[in-house]
Amino acid sequence: MSRDDVRALLGPPRSIEYGTVELWLYAPDAMDRETLPIGFVDGRIVGWGKDYYDRAHGGRVLPDGSVPRDR
């Protein structure tokens, strides 16, 4: 999916973080403290979820958005 597809489906993100990947953060419910992060590279989704977010912030996501296998 593209950024435009995600925005059309979920609306604008609560916030956007930039790094190796562009992370859009959504709050599924205004009362829910958990967020749904969605990662983009070149305008396309490359990953999502808390684990992906943690890996992106830990520098464990490659420039193409992929995650190397753990050994």
C-alpha atoms as a PDB file:
ATOM      1  CA  MET A   1       0.000   0.000   0.000  1.00  0.00           C
ATOM      2  CA  SER A   2       1.073   3.548  -0.586  1.00  0.00           C
ATOM      3  CA  ARG A   3       0.985   6.500   1.822  1.00  0.00           C
ATOM      4  CA  ASP A   4      -2.117   7.755   0.002  1.00  0.00           C
ATOM      5  CA  ASP A   5      -3.851   4.373   0.425  1.00  0.00           C
ATOM      6  CA  VAL A   6      -3.103   4.341   4.160  1.00  0.00           C
ATOM      7  CA  ARG A   7      -4.226   7.944   4.619  1.00  0.00           C
ATOM      8  CA  ALA A   8      -7.487   7.199   2.743  1.00  0.00           C
ATOM      9  CA  LEU A   9      -8.125   4.143   4.935  1.00  0.00           C
ATOM     10  CA  LEU A  10      -6.975   5.379   8.368  1.00  0.00           C
ATOM     11  CA  GLY A  11      -6.911   9.160   8.013  1.00  0.00           C
ATOM     12  CA  PRO A  12      -3.941  11.311   8.945  1.00  0.00           C
ATOM     13  CA  PRO A  13      -1.443   9.832  11.417  1.00  0.00           C
ATOM     14  CA  ARG A  14      -1.184  11.160  14.964  1.00  0.00           C
ATOM     15  CA  SER A  15       2.500  11.837  14.316  1.00  0.00           C
ATOM     16  CA  ILE A  16       5.295  11.022  11.875  1.00  0.00           C
ATOM     17  CA  GLU A  17       8.877  10.087  12.755  1.00  0.00           C
ATOM     18  CA  TYR A  18      11.720  10.174  10.267  1.00  0.00           C
ATOM     19  CA  GLY A  19      14.811   7.962  10.237  1.00  0.00           C
ATOM     20  CA  THR A  20      15.868   4.973   8.147  1.00  0.00           C
ATOM     21  CA  VAL A  21      12.150   4.504   7.585  1.00  0.00           C
ATOM     22  CA  GLU A  22       9.322   7.016   7.768  1.00  0.00           C
ATOM     23  CA  LEU A  23       7.086   5.889  10.637  1.00  0.00           C
ATOM     24  CA  TRP A  24       3.470   6.976  10.791  1.00  0.00           C
ATOM     25  CA  LEU A  25       1.952   6.533  14.243  1.00  0.00           C
ATOM     26  CA  TYR A  26      -1.753   5.905  14.667  1.00  0.00           C
ATOM     27  CA  ALA A  27      -3.736   5.645  17.882  1.00  0.00           C
ATOM     28  CA  PRO A  28      -6.336   2.909  17.258  1.00  0.00           C
ATOM     29  CA  ASP A  29      -8.523   4.356  20.019  1.00  0.00           C
ATOM     30  CA  ALA A  30      -8.233   7.754  21.661  1.00  0.00           C
ATOM     31  CA  MET A  31      -8.254   6.064  25.095  1.00  0.00           C
ATOM     32  CA  ASP A  32      -5.748   3.384  24.063  1.00  0.00           C
ATOM     33  CA  ARG A  33      -2.127   4.081  24.913  1.00  0.00           C
ATOM     34  CA  GLU A  34      -0.848   1.606  22.321  1.00  0.00           C
ATOM     35  CA  THR A  35      -0.061   3.001  18.904  1.00  0.00           C
ATOM     36  CA  LEU A  36      -0.026   1.368  15.514  1.00  0.00           C
ATOM     37  CA  PRO A  37       3.228   2.298  13.769  1.00  0.00           C
ATOM     38  CA  ILE A  38       3.421   1.846  10.000  1.00  0.00           C
ATOM     39  CA  GLY A  39       6.804   2.097   8.275  1.00  0.00           C
ATOM     40  CA  PHE A  40       7.313   3.454   4.757  1.00  0.00           C
ATOM     41  CA  VAL A  41      10.259   3.512   2.353  1.00  0.00           C
ATOM     42  CA  ASP A  42       9.854   5.246  -0.997  1.00  0.00           C
ATOM     43  CA  GLY A  43       6.164   5.793  -0.231  1.00  0.00           C
ATOM     44  CA  ARG A  44       5.316   2.103   0.271  1.00  0.00           C
ATOM     45  CA  ILE A  45       4.637   0.111   3.443  1.00  0.00           C
ATOM     46  CA  VAL A  46       7.636  -1.967   4.494  1.00  0.00           C
ATOM     47  CA  GLY A  47       6.585  -2.940   8.027  1.00  0.00           C
ATOM     48  CA  TRP A  48       4.190  -2.286  10.891  1.00  0.00           C
ATOM     49  CA  GLY A  49       3.569  -3.006  14.528  1.00  0.00           C
ATOM     50  CA  LYS A  50       5.405  -2.522  17.804  1.00  0.00           C
ATOM     51  CA  ASP A  51       8.184  -5.011  17.011  1.00  0.00           C
ATOM     52  CA  TYR A  52       8.948  -3.290  13.717  1.00  0.00           C
ATOM     53  CA  TYR A  53       8.921   0.111  15.458  1.00  0.00           C
ATOM     54  CA  ASP A  54      11.317  -1.134  18.150  1.00  0.00           C
ATOM     55  CA  ARG A  55      13.672  -2.549  15.516  1.00  0.00           C
ATOM     56  CA  ALA A  56      13.595   0.692  13.529  1.00  0.00           C
ATOM     57  CA  HIS A  57      14.487   2.698  16.643  1.00  0.00           C
ATOM     58  CA  GLY A  58      17.173   0.198  17.567  1.00  0.00           C
ATOM     59  CA  GLY A  59      18.876   0.623  14.188  1.00  0.00           C
ATOM     60  CA  ARG A  60      17.998  -2.925  13.157  1.00  0.00           C
ATOM     61  CA  VAL A  61      16.139  -2.015   9.958  1.00  0.00           C
ATOM     62  CA  LEU A  62      17.987  -1.868   6.645  1.00  0.00           C
ATOM     63  CA  PRO A  63      17.676   1.158   4.319  1.00  0.00           C
ATOM     64  CA  ASP A  64      15.174  -0.754   2.164  1.00  0.00           C
ATOM     65  CA  GLY A  65      12.971  -1.212   5.256  1.00  0.00           C
ATOM     66  CA  SER A  66      13.647  -4.924   5.638  1.00  0.00           C
ATOM     67  CA  VAL A  67      14.626  -6.503   8.929  1.00  0.00           C
ATOM     68  CA  PRO A  68      17.664  -8.795   9.001  1.00  0.00           C
ATOM     69  CA  ARG A  69      17.016 -12.273  10.408  1.00  0.00           C
ATOM     70  CA  ASP A  70      18.022 -12.793  14.022  1.00  0.00           C
ATOM     71  CA  ARG A  71      20.648 -15.440  14.496  1.00  0.00           C
END
